[in-house]
PDB file of N, CA and C in Angstrom:
ATOM      1  N   MET A   1     -88.553 167.436 -21.367  1.00  0.00           N
ATOM      2  CA  MET A   1     -89.854 167.350 -22.132  1.00  0.00           C
ATOM      3  C   MET A   1     -90.159 168.867 -22.409  1.00  0.00           C
ATOM      4  N   ASP A   2     -90.682 169.037 -23.768  1.00  0.00           N
ATOM      5  CA  ASP A   2     -90.921 170.427 -24.163  1.00  0.00           C
ATOM      6  C   ASP A   2     -92.423 170.720 -23.731  1.00  0.00           C
ATOM      7  N   ASP A   3     -92.686 172.041 -23.746  1.00  0.00           N
ATOM      8  CA  ASP A   3     -93.983 172.493 -23.259  1.00  0.00           C
ATOM      9  C   ASP A   3     -95.227 171.857 -24.072  1.00  0.00           C
ATOM     10  N   GLU A   4     -95.124 171.820 -25.442  1.00  0.00           N
ATOM     11  CA  GLU A   4     -96.204 171.260 -26.153  1.00  0.00           C
ATOM     12  C   GLU A   4     -96.368 169.752 -25.763  1.00  0.00           C
ATOM     13  N   THR A   5     -95.371 168.967 -25.563  1.00  0.00           N
ATOM     14  CA  THR A   5     -95.633 167.552 -25.221  1.00  0.00           C
ATOM     15  C   THR A   5     -96.307 167.464 -23.764  1.00  0.00           C
ATOM     16  N   PHE A   6     -95.817 168.454 -22.868  1.00  0.00           N
ATOM     17  CA  PHE A   6     -96.445 168.306 -21.491  1.00  0.00           C
ATOM     18  C   PHE A   6     -97.887 168.714 -21.592  1.00  0.00           C
ATOM     19  N   ASP A   7     -98.225 169.786 -22.431  1.00  0.00           N
ATOM     20  CA  ASP A   7     -99.533 170.281 -22.723  1.00  0.00           C
ATOM     21  C   ASP A   7    -100.407 169.161 -23.217  1.00  0.00           C
ATOM     22  N   SER A   8     -99.931 168.473 -24.127  1.00  0.00           N
ATOM     23  CA  SER A   8    -100.674 167.312 -24.789  1.00  0.00           C
ATOM     24  C   SER A   8    -101.056 166.129 -23.625  1.00  0.00           C
ATOM     25  N   LEU A   9    -100.024 165.966 -22.683  1.00  0.00           N
ATOM     26  CA  LEU A   9    -100.329 165.048 -21.600  1.00  0.00           C
ATOM     27  C   LEU A   9    -101.421 165.422 -20.710  1.00  0.00           C
ATOM     28  N   VAL A  10    -101.547 166.814 -20.469  1.00  0.00           N
ATOM     29  CA  VAL A  10    -102.668 167.429 -19.716  1.00  0.00           C
ATOM     30  C   VAL A  10    -104.009 167.169 -20.497  1.00  0.00           C
ATOM     31  N   ASP A  11    -103.927 167.412 -21.829  1.00  0.00           N
ATOM     32  CA  ASP A  11    -105.104 167.260 -22.704  1.00  0.00           C
ATOM     33  C   ASP A  11    -105.572 165.748 -22.741  1.00  0.00           C
ATOM     34  N   ALA A  12    -104.638 164.759 -22.572  1.00  0.00           N
ATOM     35  CA  ALA A  12    -104.953 163.480 -22.599  1.00  0.00           C
ATOM     36  C   ALA A  12    -105.546 163.089 -21.153  1.00  0.00           C
ATOM     37  N   ALA A  13    -104.956 163.662 -20.229  1.00  0.00           N
ATOM     38  CA  ALA A  13    -105.615 163.397 -18.852  1.00  0.00           C
ATOM     39  C   ALA A  13    -106.954 163.820 -18.783  1.00  0.00           C
ATOM     40  N   LEU A  14    -107.361 165.060 -19.338  1.00  0.00           N
ATOM     41  CA  LEU A  14    -108.599 165.461 -19.193  1.00  0.00           C
ATOM     42  C   LEU A  14    -109.550 164.496 -20.244  1.00  0.00           C
ATOM     43  N   ALA A  15    -108.951 164.070 -21.253  1.00  0.00           N
ATOM     44  CA  ALA A  15    -109.770 163.187 -22.306  1.00  0.00           C
ATOM     45  C   ALA A  15    -110.110 161.826 -21.501  1.00  0.00           C
ATOM     46  N   GLY A  16    -109.215 161.549 -20.494  1.00  0.00           N
ATOM     47  CA  GLY A  16    -109.564 160.303 -19.895  1.00  0.00           C
ATOM     48  C   GLY A  16    -110.602 160.360 -18.743  1.00  0.00           C
ATOM     49  N   ILE A  17    -111.012 161.565 -18.345  1.00  0.00           N
ATOM     50  CA  ILE A  17    -112.173 161.781 -17.490  1.00  0.00           C
ATOM     51  C   ILE A  17    -113.421 161.540 -18.167  1.00  0.00           C
ATOM     52  N   PRO A  18    -114.360 160.700 -17.674  1.00  0.00           N
ATOM     53  CA  PRO A  18    -115.752 160.455 -18.301  1.00  0.00           C
ATOM     54  C   PRO A  18    -116.277 161.832 -18.609  1.00  0.00           C
ATOM     55  N   GLU A  19    -116.988 161.906 -19.754  1.00  0.00           N
ATOM     56  CA  GLU A  19    -117.673 163.031 -20.302  1.00  0.00           C
ATOM     57  C   GLU A  19    -118.842 163.426 -19.351  1.00  0.00           C
ATOM     58  N   GLN A  20    -119.424 162.422 -18.766  1.00  0.00           N
ATOM     59  CA  GLN A  20    -120.622 162.730 -17.735  1.00  0.00           C
ATOM     60  C   GLN A  20    -119.971 163.548 -16.535  1.00  0.00           C
ATOM     61  N   LEU A  21    -118.886 163.312 -16.295  1.00  0.00           N
ATOM     62  CA  LEU A  21    -118.271 163.963 -15.121  1.00  0.00           C
ATOM     63  C   LEU A  21    -117.785 165.325 -15.514  1.00  0.00           C
ATOM     64  N   LEU A  22    -117.035 165.352 -16.619  1.00  0.00           N
ATOM     65  CA  LEU A  22    -116.552 166.846 -17.071  1.00  0.00           C
ATOM     66  C   LEU A  22    -117.683 167.705 -17.269  1.00  0.00           C
ATOM     67  N   ALA A  23    -118.866 167.099 -17.750  1.00  0.00           N
ATOM     68  CA  ALA A  23    -119.973 168.003 -18.039  1.00  0.00           C
ATOM     69  C   ALA A  23    -120.503 168.724 -16.799  1.00  0.00           C
ATOM     70  N   LEU A  24    -120.279 168.148 -15.559  1.00  0.00           N
ATOM     71  CA  LEU A  24    -120.581 168.682 -14.342  1.00  0.00           C
ATOM     72  C   LEU A  24    -119.619 169.820 -13.793  1.00  0.00           C
ATOM     73  N   VAL A  25    -118.511 169.881 -14.445  1.00  0.00           N
ATOM     74  CA  VAL A  25    -117.527 171.049 -14.017  1.00  0.00           C
ATOM     75  C   VAL A  25    -118.214 172.284 -14.480  1.00  0.00           C
ATOM     76  N   ASP A  26    -118.319 173.062 -13.643  1.00  0.00           N
ATOM     77  CA  ASP A  26    -118.984 174.416 -13.743  1.00  0.00           C
ATOM     78  C   ASP A  26    -118.183 175.604 -13.358  1.00  0.00           C
ATOM     79  N   ASN A  27    -117.918 176.629 -14.297  1.00  0.00           N
ATOM     80  CA  ASN A  27    -117.204 177.801 -14.092  1.00  0.00           C
ATOM     81  C   ASN A  27    -115.818 177.625 -13.650  1.00  0.00           C
ATOM     82  N   ALA A  28    -115.090 176.750 -14.467  1.00  0.00           N
ATOM     83  CA  ALA A  28    -113.648 176.515 -13.990  1.00  0.00           C
ATOM     84  C   ALA A  28    -112.720 176.411 -15.235  1.00  0.00           C
ATOM     85  N   VAL A  29    -111.542 176.881 -15.095  1.00  0.00           N
ATOM     86  CA  VAL A  29    -110.643 176.818 -16.144  1.00  0.00           C
ATOM     87  C   VAL A  29    -109.372 175.979 -15.660  1.00  0.00           C
ATOM     88  N   LEU A  30    -108.616 175.328 -16.601  1.00  0.00           N
ATOM     89  CA  LEU A  30    -107.450 174.590 -16.310  1.00  0.00           C
ATOM     90  C   LEU A  30    -106.380 175.368 -16.851  1.00  0.00           C
ATOM     91  N   LEU A  31    -105.360 175.660 -16.026  1.00  0.00           N
ATOM     92  CA  LEU A  31    -104.237 176.365 -16.611  1.00  0.00           C
ATOM     93  C   LEU A  31    -102.902 175.572 -16.242  1.00  0.00           C
ATOM     94  N   ILE A  32    -102.093 175.654 -17.287  1.00  0.00           N
ATOM     95  CA  ILE A  32    -100.647 174.982 -17.115  1.00  0.00           C
ATOM     96  C   ILE A  32     -99.689 176.254 -16.803  1.00  0.00           C
ATOM     97  N   GLU A  33     -98.844 176.116 -15.711  1.00  0.00           N
ATOM     98  CA  GLU A  33     -98.016 177.071 -15.408  1.00  0.00           C
ATOM     99  C   GLU A  33     -96.562 176.211 -15.126  1.00  0.00           C
ATOM    100  N   ASP A  34     -95.547 177.054 -15.333  1.00  0.00           N
ATOM    101  CA  ASP A  34     -94.230 176.503 -15.092  1.00  0.00           C
ATOM    102  C   ASP A  34     -94.016 176.073 -13.679  1.00  0.00           C
ATOM    103  N   GLU A  35     -94.205 177.028 -12.788  1.00  0.00           N
ATOM    104  CA  GLU A  35     -93.950 176.977 -11.338  1.00  0.00           C
ATOM    105  C   GLU A  35     -95.002 177.282 -10.572  1.00  0.00           C
ATOM    106  N   PRO A  36     -95.066 176.708  -9.389  1.00  0.00           N
ATOM    107  CA  PRO A  36     -96.146 176.925  -8.438  1.00  0.00           C
ATOM    108  C   PRO A  36     -95.720 178.181  -7.489  1.00  0.00           C
ATOM    109  N   PRO A  37     -96.575 178.578  -6.664  1.00  0.00           N
ATOM    110  CA  PRO A  37     -96.181 179.635  -5.778  1.00  0.00           C
ATOM    111  C   PRO A  37     -94.827 179.475  -5.176  1.00  0.00           C
ATOM    112  N   ALA A  38     -94.103 180.440  -4.836  1.00  0.00           N
ATOM    113  CA  ALA A  38     -92.771 180.418  -4.307  1.00  0.00           C
ATOM    114  C   ALA A  38     -92.798 179.626  -2.747  1.00  0.00           C
ATOM    115  N   SER A  39     -93.804 179.795  -2.246  1.00  0.00           N
ATOM    116  CA  SER A  39     -94.084 179.291  -0.876  1.00  0.00           C
ATOM    117  C   SER A  39     -94.221 177.705  -0.916  1.00  0.00           C
ATOM    118  N   GLU A  40     -94.522 177.071  -2.058  1.00  0.00           N
ATOM    119  CA  GLU A  40     -94.735 175.693  -2.232  1.00  0.00           C
ATOM    120  C   GLU A  40     -94.143 175.268  -3.406  1.00  0.00           C
ATOM    121  N   PRO A  41     -92.718 175.263  -3.572  1.00  0.00           N
ATOM    122  CA  PRO A  41     -91.969 174.962  -4.761  1.00  0.00           C
ATOM    123  C   PRO A  41     -92.251 173.567  -5.270  1.00  0.00           C
ATOM    124  N   ASP A  42     -92.632 172.565  -4.579  1.00  0.00           N
ATOM    125  CA  ASP A  42     -92.791 171.270  -5.006  1.00  0.00           C
ATOM    126  C   ASP A  42     -94.368 170.786  -5.198  1.00  0.00           C
ATOM    127  N   LEU A  43     -95.136 171.752  -5.378  1.00  0.00           N
ATOM    128  CA  LEU A  43     -96.604 171.610  -5.666  1.00  0.00           C
ATOM    129  C   LEU A  43     -96.801 171.306  -7.135  1.00  0.00           C
ATOM    130  N   LEU A  44     -97.483 170.080  -7.306  1.00  0.00           N
ATOM    131  CA  LEU A  44     -97.714 169.744  -8.568  1.00  0.00           C
ATOM    132  C   LEU A  44     -99.049 170.222  -9.242  1.00  0.00           C
ATOM    133  N   GLY A  45    -100.001 170.523  -8.435  1.00  0.00           N
ATOM    134  CA  GLY A  45    -101.306 171.108  -8.911  1.00  0.00           C
ATOM    135  C   GLY A  45    -101.961 171.968  -7.872  1.00  0.00           C
ATOM    136  N   LEU A  46    -102.859 172.628  -8.199  1.00  0.00           N
ATOM    137  CA  LEU A  46    -103.612 173.549  -7.083  1.00  0.00           C
ATOM    138  C   LEU A  46    -104.975 173.894  -7.648  1.00  0.00           C
ATOM    139  N   TYR A  47    -105.892 173.846  -6.809  1.00  0.00           N
ATOM    140  CA  TYR A  47    -107.239 174.341  -7.126  1.00  0.00           C
ATOM    141  C   TYR A  47    -107.549 175.531  -6.316  1.00  0.00           C
ATOM    142  N   GLU A  48    -107.985 176.489  -6.897  1.00  0.00           N
ATOM    143  CA  GLU A  48    -108.345 177.729  -6.405  1.00  0.00           C
ATOM    144  C   GLU A  48    -109.910 178.156  -6.780  1.00  0.00           C
ATOM    145  N   GLY A  49    -110.754 178.123  -5.719  1.00  0.00           N
ATOM    146  CA  GLY A  49    -112.146 178.454  -6.171  1.00  0.00           C
ATOM    147  C   GLY A  49    -113.027 177.943  -5.116  1.00  0.00           C
ATOM    148  N   ILE A  50    -114.364 178.040  -5.433  1.00  0.00           N
ATOM    149  CA  ILE A  50    -115.333 177.603  -4.578  1.00  0.00           C
ATOM    150  C   ILE A  50    -115.910 176.250  -4.991  1.00  0.00           C
ATOM    151  N   PRO A  51    -115.718 175.097  -4.348  1.00  0.00           N
ATOM    152  CA  PRO A  51    -116.203 173.846  -4.691  1.00  0.00           C
ATOM    153  C   PRO A  51    -117.662 173.796  -4.902  1.00  0.00           C
ATOM    154  N   LEU A  52    -118.062 172.920  -5.807  1.00  0.00           N
ATOM    155  CA  LEU A  52    -119.537 172.931  -6.242  1.00  0.00           C
ATOM    156  C   LEU A  52    -120.334 172.699  -4.976  1.00  0.00           C
ATOM    157  N   THR A  53    -119.784 171.881  -3.928  1.00  0.00           N
ATOM    158  CA  THR A  53    -120.604 171.541  -2.666  1.00  0.00           C
ATOM    159  C   THR A  53    -120.670 172.742  -1.807  1.00  0.00           C
ATOM    160  N   GLU A  54    -119.925 173.804  -2.127  1.00  0.00           N
ATOM    161  CA  GLU A  54    -120.214 174.985  -1.206  1.00  0.00           C
ATOM    162  C   GLU A  54    -120.868 176.198  -1.886  1.00  0.00           C
ATOM    163  N   ARG A  55    -121.271 175.948  -3.126  1.00  0.00           N
ATOM    164  CA  ARG A  55    -122.029 176.931  -3.899  1.00  0.00           C
ATOM    165  C   ARG A  55    -123.343 176.981  -3.565  1.00  0.00           C
ATOM    166  N   ASP A  56    -124.001 178.143  -3.340  1.00  0.00           N
ATOM    167  CA  ASP A  56    -125.483 178.220  -3.082  1.00  0.00           C
ATOM    168  C   ASP A  56    -126.098 179.311  -4.008  1.00  0.00           C
ATOM    169  N   SER A  57    -127.248 179.832  -3.622  1.00  0.00           N
ATOM    170  CA  SER A  57    -127.913 180.780  -4.434  1.00  0.00           C
ATOM    171  C   SER A  57    -127.111 182.124  -4.490  1.00  0.00           C
ATOM    172  N   TRP A  58    -126.315 182.361  -3.626  1.00  0.00           N
ATOM    173  CA  TRP A  58    -125.450 183.517  -3.777  1.00  0.00           C
ATOM    174  C   TRP A  58    -124.248 183.475  -4.839  1.00  0.00           C
ATOM    175  N   TYR A  59    -124.122 182.343  -5.375  1.00  0.00           N
ATOM    176  CA  TYR A  59    -123.009 182.159  -6.153  1.00  0.00           C
ATOM    177  C   TYR A  59    -123.478 182.414  -7.711  1.00  0.00           C
ATOM    178  N   SER A  60    -123.015 183.648  -8.065  1.00  0.00           N
ATOM    179  CA  SER A  60    -123.357 184.133  -9.477  1.00  0.00           C
ATOM    180  C   SER A  60    -122.504 185.291  -9.940  1.00  0.00           C
ATOM    181  N   GLY A  61    -122.060 185.269 -11.059  1.00  0.00           N
ATOM    182  CA  GLY A  61    -121.221 186.259 -11.582  1.00  0.00           C
ATOM    183  C   GLY A  61    -119.781 186.181 -10.954  1.00  0.00           C
ATOM    184  N   ALA A  62    -119.413 185.003 -10.505  1.00  0.00           N
ATOM    185  CA  ALA A  62    -118.144 184.792  -9.897  1.00  0.00           C
ATOM    186  C   ALA A  62    -117.132 184.451 -10.943  1.00  0.00           C
ATOM    187  N   LEU A  63    -115.982 184.895 -10.763  1.00  0.00           N
ATOM    188  CA  LEU A  63    -114.799 184.560 -11.730  1.00  0.00           C
ATOM    189  C   LEU A  63    -114.680 183.083 -11.757  1.00  0.00           C
ATOM    190  N   PRO A  64    -114.127 182.392 -12.637  1.00  0.00           N
ATOM    191  CA  PRO A  64    -114.045 180.994 -12.733  1.00  0.00           C
ATOM    192  C   PRO A  64    -112.962 180.500 -11.767  1.00  0.00           C
ATOM    193  N   ASP A  65    -113.348 179.233 -11.275  1.00  0.00           N
ATOM    194  CA  ASP A  65    -112.259 178.651 -10.470  1.00  0.00           C
ATOM    195  C   ASP A  65    -111.133 178.392 -11.293  1.00  0.00           C
ATOM    196  N   ARG A  66    -109.960 178.252 -10.738  1.00  0.00           N
ATOM    197  CA  ARG A  66    -108.777 177.939 -11.453  1.00  0.00           C
ATOM    198  C   ARG A  66    -108.126 176.543 -10.901  1.00  0.00           C
ATOM    199  N   ILE A  67    -107.800 175.644 -11.945  1.00  0.00           N
ATOM    200  CA  ILE A  67    -107.209 174.606 -11.680  1.00  0.00           C
ATOM    201  C   ILE A  67    -105.865 174.553 -12.232  1.00  0.00           C
ATOM    202  N   PHE A  68    -104.790 174.534 -11.600  1.00  0.00           N
ATOM    203  CA  PHE A  68    -103.388 174.725 -12.118  1.00  0.00           C
ATOM    204  C   PHE A  68    -102.712 173.271 -12.021  1.00  0.00           C
ATOM    205  N   VAL A  69    -101.983 173.043 -13.109  1.00  0.00           N
ATOM    206  CA  VAL A  69    -100.985 171.987 -13.285  1.00  0.00           C
ATOM    207  C   VAL A  69     -99.551 172.636 -13.437  1.00  0.00           C
ATOM    208  N   PHE A  70     -98.628 172.274 -12.631  1.00  0.00           N
ATOM    209  CA  PHE A  70     -97.380 172.957 -12.661  1.00  0.00           C
ATOM    210  C   PHE A  70     -96.372 171.947 -13.302  1.00  0.00           C
ATOM    211  N   ARG A  71     -95.951 172.575 -14.351  1.00  0.00           N
ATOM    212  CA  ARG A  71     -95.110 171.731 -15.235  1.00  0.00           C
ATOM    213  C   ARG A  71     -93.630 171.399 -14.693  1.00  0.00           C
ATOM    214  N   ARG A  72     -92.846 172.310 -14.168  1.00  0.00           N
ATOM    215  CA  ARG A  72     -91.318 172.091 -13.794  1.00  0.00           C
ATOM    216  C   ARG A  72     -91.406 171.182 -12.542  1.00  0.00           C
ATOM    217  N   PRO A  73     -92.207 171.418 -11.500  1.00  0.00           N
ATOM    218  CA  PRO A  73     -92.081 170.389 -10.312  1.00  0.00           C
ATOM    219  C   PRO A  73     -92.491 169.051 -10.785  1.00  0.00           C
ATOM    220  N   THR A  74     -93.401 168.870 -11.678  1.00  0.00           N
ATOM    221  CA  THR A  74     -93.793 167.603 -12.113  1.00  0.00           C
ATOM    222  C   THR A  74     -92.614 166.912 -12.866  1.00  0.00           C
ATOM    223  N   LEU A  75     -91.928 167.696 -13.759  1.00  0.00           N
ATOM    224  CA  LEU A  75     -90.850 166.994 -14.510  1.00  0.00           C
ATOM    225  C   LEU A  75     -89.631 166.847 -13.611  1.00  0.00           C
ATOM    226  N   ARG A  76     -89.493 167.557 -12.552  1.00  0.00           N
ATOM    227  CA  ARG A  76     -88.453 167.355 -11.519  1.00  0.00           C
ATOM    228  C   ARG A  76     -88.661 166.062 -10.769  1.00  0.00           C
ATOM    229  N   LEU A  77     -89.924 165.834 -10.400  1.00  0.00           N
ATOM    230  CA  LEU A  77     -90.153 164.628  -9.564  1.00  0.00           C
ATOM    231  C   LEU A  77     -90.133 163.322 -10.486  1.00  0.00           C
ATOM    232  N   CYS A  78     -90.359 163.396 -11.793  1.00  0.00           N
ATOM    233  CA  CYS A  78     -90.531 162.161 -12.598  1.00  0.00           C
ATOM    234  C   CYS A  78     -89.245 161.871 -13.294  1.00  0.00           C
ATOM    235  N   ASP A  79     -88.947 160.462 -13.329  1.00  0.00           N
ATOM    236  CA  ASP A  79     -87.710 160.088 -13.975  1.00  0.00           C
ATOM    237  C   ASP A  79     -87.908 159.702 -15.418  1.00  0.00           C
ATOM    238  N   THR A  80     -89.125 159.281 -15.809  1.00  0.00           N
ATOM    239  CA  THR A  80     -89.323 158.860 -17.222  1.00  0.00           C
ATOM    240  C   THR A  80     -90.646 159.359 -17.822  1.00  0.00           C
ATOM    241  N   TYR A  81     -90.708 159.262 -19.051  1.00  0.00           N
ATOM    242  CA  TYR A  81     -91.869 159.818 -19.708  1.00  0.00           C
ATOM    243  C   TYR A  81     -93.171 159.248 -19.201  1.00  0.00           C
ATOM    244  N   ASP A  82     -93.145 157.866 -18.927  1.00  0.00           N
ATOM    245  CA  ASP A  82     -94.331 157.199 -18.293  1.00  0.00           C
ATOM    246  C   ASP A  82     -94.649 157.783 -16.988  1.00  0.00           C
ATOM    247  N   ASP A  83     -93.686 158.006 -16.210  1.00  0.00           N
ATOM    248  CA  ASP A  83     -93.889 158.728 -14.852  1.00  0.00           C
ATOM    249  C   ASP A  83     -94.585 159.936 -14.997  1.00  0.00           C
ATOM    250  N   VAL A  84     -94.194 160.868 -15.922  1.00  0.00           N
ATOM    251  CA  VAL A  84     -94.843 162.048 -16.148  1.00  0.00           C
ATOM    252  C   VAL A  84     -96.288 161.821 -16.600  1.00  0.00           C
ATOM    253  N   VAL A  85     -96.554 160.918 -17.402  1.00  0.00           N
ATOM    254  CA  VAL A  85     -97.958 160.580 -17.943  1.00  0.00           C
ATOM    255  C   VAL A  85     -98.750 160.319 -16.733  1.00  0.00           C
ATOM    256  N   ASP A  86     -98.224 159.429 -15.894  1.00  0.00           N
ATOM    257  CA  ASP A  86     -99.065 158.936 -14.737  1.00  0.00           C
ATOM    258  C   ASP A  86     -99.279 160.185 -13.719  1.00  0.00           C
ATOM    259  N   GLU A  87     -98.297 160.955 -13.475  1.00  0.00           N
ATOM    260  CA  GLU A  87     -98.249 161.987 -12.549  1.00  0.00           C
ATOM    261  C   GLU A  87     -99.337 163.179 -12.956  1.00  0.00           C
ATOM    262  N   VAL A  88     -99.194 163.480 -14.243  1.00  0.00           N
ATOM    263  CA  VAL A  88    -100.061 164.485 -14.792  1.00  0.00           C
ATOM    264  C   VAL A  88    -101.585 163.953 -14.681  1.00  0.00           C
ATOM    265  N   ALA A  89    -101.759 162.705 -15.028  1.00  0.00           N
ATOM    266  CA  ALA A  89    -103.132 162.106 -14.923  1.00  0.00           C
ATOM    267  C   ALA A  89    -103.599 162.199 -13.371  1.00  0.00           C
ATOM    268  N   ILE A  90    -102.778 161.802 -12.402  1.00  0.00           N
ATOM    269  CA  ILE A  90    -103.132 161.787 -11.146  1.00  0.00           C
ATOM    270  C   ILE A  90    -103.488 163.257 -10.720  1.00  0.00           C
ATOM    271  N   THR A  91    -102.519 164.219 -11.079  1.00  0.00           N
ATOM    272  CA  THR A  91    -102.703 165.661 -10.629  1.00  0.00           C
ATOM    273  C   THR A  91    -104.039 166.238 -11.201  1.00  0.00           C
ATOM    274  N   VAL A  92    -104.312 165.927 -12.511  1.00  0.00           N
ATOM    275  CA  VAL A  92    -105.609 166.472 -13.038  1.00  0.00           C
ATOM    276  C   VAL A  92    -106.901 165.942 -12.381  1.00  0.00           C
ATOM    277  N   VAL A  93    -106.838 164.654 -12.093  1.00  0.00           N
ATOM    278  CA  VAL A  93    -108.038 164.025 -11.473  1.00  0.00           C
ATOM    279  C   VAL A  93    -108.099 164.742  -9.992  1.00  0.00           C
ATOM    280  N   HIS A  94    -106.876 164.717  -9.343  1.00  0.00           N
ATOM    281  CA  HIS A  94    -106.938 165.294  -7.985  1.00  0.00           C
ATOM    282  C   HIS A  94    -107.468 166.673  -7.796  1.00  0.00           C
ATOM    283  N   GLU A  95    -107.089 167.597  -8.794  1.00  0.00           N
ATOM    284  CA  GLU A  95    -107.550 168.979  -8.727  1.00  0.00           C
ATOM    285  C   GLU A  95    -108.991 169.173  -9.169  1.00  0.00           C
ATOM    286  N   ILE A  96    -109.409 168.314 -10.080  1.00  0.00           N
ATOM    287  CA  ILE A  96    -110.811 168.369 -10.450  1.00  0.00           C
ATOM    288  C   ILE A  96    -111.676 167.886  -9.342  1.00  0.00           C
ATOM    289  N   ALA A  97    -111.103 166.801  -8.557  1.00  0.00           N
ATOM    290  CA  ALA A  97    -111.854 166.264  -7.396  1.00  0.00           C
ATOM    291  C   ALA A  97    -112.097 167.469  -6.503  1.00  0.00           C
ATOM    292  N   HIS A  98    -111.104 168.376  -6.220  1.00  0.00           N
ATOM    293  CA  HIS A  98    -111.401 169.370  -5.266  1.00  0.00           C
ATOM    294  C   HIS A  98    -112.560 170.178  -5.649  1.00  0.00           C
ATOM    295  N   HIS A  99    -112.511 170.440  -7.006  1.00  0.00           N
ATOM    296  CA  HIS A  99    -113.729 171.366  -7.573  1.00  0.00           C
ATOM    297  C   HIS A  99    -114.995 170.729  -7.171  1.00  0.00           C
ATOM    298  N   PHE A 100    -115.059 169.302  -7.098  1.00  0.00           N
ATOM    299  CA  PHE A 100    -116.251 168.700  -6.645  1.00  0.00           C
ATOM    300  C   PHE A 100    -116.295 168.559  -5.053  1.00  0.00           C
ATOM    301  N   GLY A 101    -115.542 169.208  -4.454  1.00  0.00           N
ATOM    302  CA  GLY A 101    -115.527 169.211  -3.013  1.00  0.00           C
ATOM    303  C   GLY A 101    -114.978 168.003  -2.335  1.00  0.00           C
ATOM    304  N   ILE A 102    -114.205 167.315  -2.932  1.00  0.00           N
ATOM    305  CA  ILE A 102    -113.463 166.175  -2.305  1.00  0.00           C
ATOM    306  C   ILE A 102    -112.131 166.615  -1.762  1.00  0.00           C
ATOM    307  N   ASP A 103    -111.897 166.450  -0.475  1.00  0.00           N
ATOM    308  CA  ASP A 103    -110.803 166.895   0.194  1.00  0.00           C
ATOM    309  C   ASP A 103    -109.579 165.896   0.140  1.00  0.00           C
ATOM    310  N   ASP A 104    -108.380 166.417   0.401  1.00  0.00           N
ATOM    311  CA  ASP A 104    -107.173 165.515   0.334  1.00  0.00           C
ATOM    312  C   ASP A 104    -107.242 164.219   1.146  1.00  0.00           C
ATOM    313  N   GLU A 105    -107.947 164.303   2.304  1.00  0.00           N
ATOM    314  CA  GLU A 105    -107.927 163.096   3.183  1.00  0.00           C
ATOM    315  C   GLU A 105    -108.870 162.055   2.278  1.00  0.00           C
ATOM    316  N   ARG A 106    -109.918 162.462   1.793  1.00  0.00           N
ATOM    317  CA  ARG A 106    -110.817 161.413   0.980  1.00  0.00           C
ATOM    318  C   ARG A 106    -110.078 160.904  -0.144  1.00  0.00           C
ATOM    319  N   LEU A 107    -109.315 161.909  -0.898  1.00  0.00           N
ATOM    320  CA  LEU A 107    -108.585 161.542  -2.026  1.00  0.00           C
ATOM    321  C   LEU A 107    -107.366 160.498  -1.666  1.00  0.00           C
ATOM    322  N   HIS A 108    -106.902 160.718  -0.544  1.00  0.00           N
ATOM    323  CA  HIS A 108    -105.837 159.794  -0.134  1.00  0.00           C
ATOM    324  C   HIS A 108    -106.552 158.364   0.236  1.00  0.00           C
ATOM    325  N   GLU A 109    -107.548 158.390   0.840  1.00  0.00           N
ATOM    326  CA  GLU A 109    -108.345 157.049   1.009  1.00  0.00           C
ATOM    327  C   GLU A 109    -108.648 156.297  -0.277  1.00  0.00           C
ATOM    328  N   LEU A 110    -108.922 157.127  -1.347  1.00  0.00           N
ATOM    329  CA  LEU A 110    -109.265 156.633  -2.639  1.00  0.00           C
ATOM    330  C   LEU A 110    -108.080 156.294  -3.584  1.00  0.00           C
ATOM    331  N   GLY A 111    -106.993 156.609  -3.038  1.00  0.00           N
ATOM    332  CA  GLY A 111    -105.768 156.242  -3.777  1.00  0.00           C
ATOM    333  C   GLY A 111    -105.369 157.410  -4.781  1.00  0.00           C
ATOM    334  N   TRP A 112    -105.754 158.567  -4.679  1.00  0.00           N
ATOM    335  CA  TRP A 112    -105.424 159.679  -5.625  1.00  0.00           C
ATOM    336  C   TRP A 112    -104.613 160.726  -4.958  1.00  0.00           C
ATOM    337  N   SER A 113    -103.790 160.244  -4.164  1.00  0.00           N
ATOM    338  CA  SER A 113    -102.927 161.416  -3.405  1.00  0.00           C
ATOM    339  C   SER A 113    -101.491 161.580  -4.041  1.00  0.00           C
TER     340      SER A 113
END
């Protein structure tokens, strides 16, 4: 799968999130990278930042949170185009959920792991 197609799948996954929820995302960017950190080569996504639930009056002037989707591990994991579509959607929702302060255990309970 070429980069442009993968990027369009990430865009589609974002478009699938209700507008009311996306409107609550604050000071965050979504980035698509080829590879995750070398220490975690199979990582599909990553949230780096301060979740909304942990922000307080001290939170101002901070750099944006970063939500990463990693292209190559996703493509290595998936066998078909439809698998990639599904995995990208899960990864995007999963990492945005971290921005809202939802941890991996709760995401697993909700079926988003």
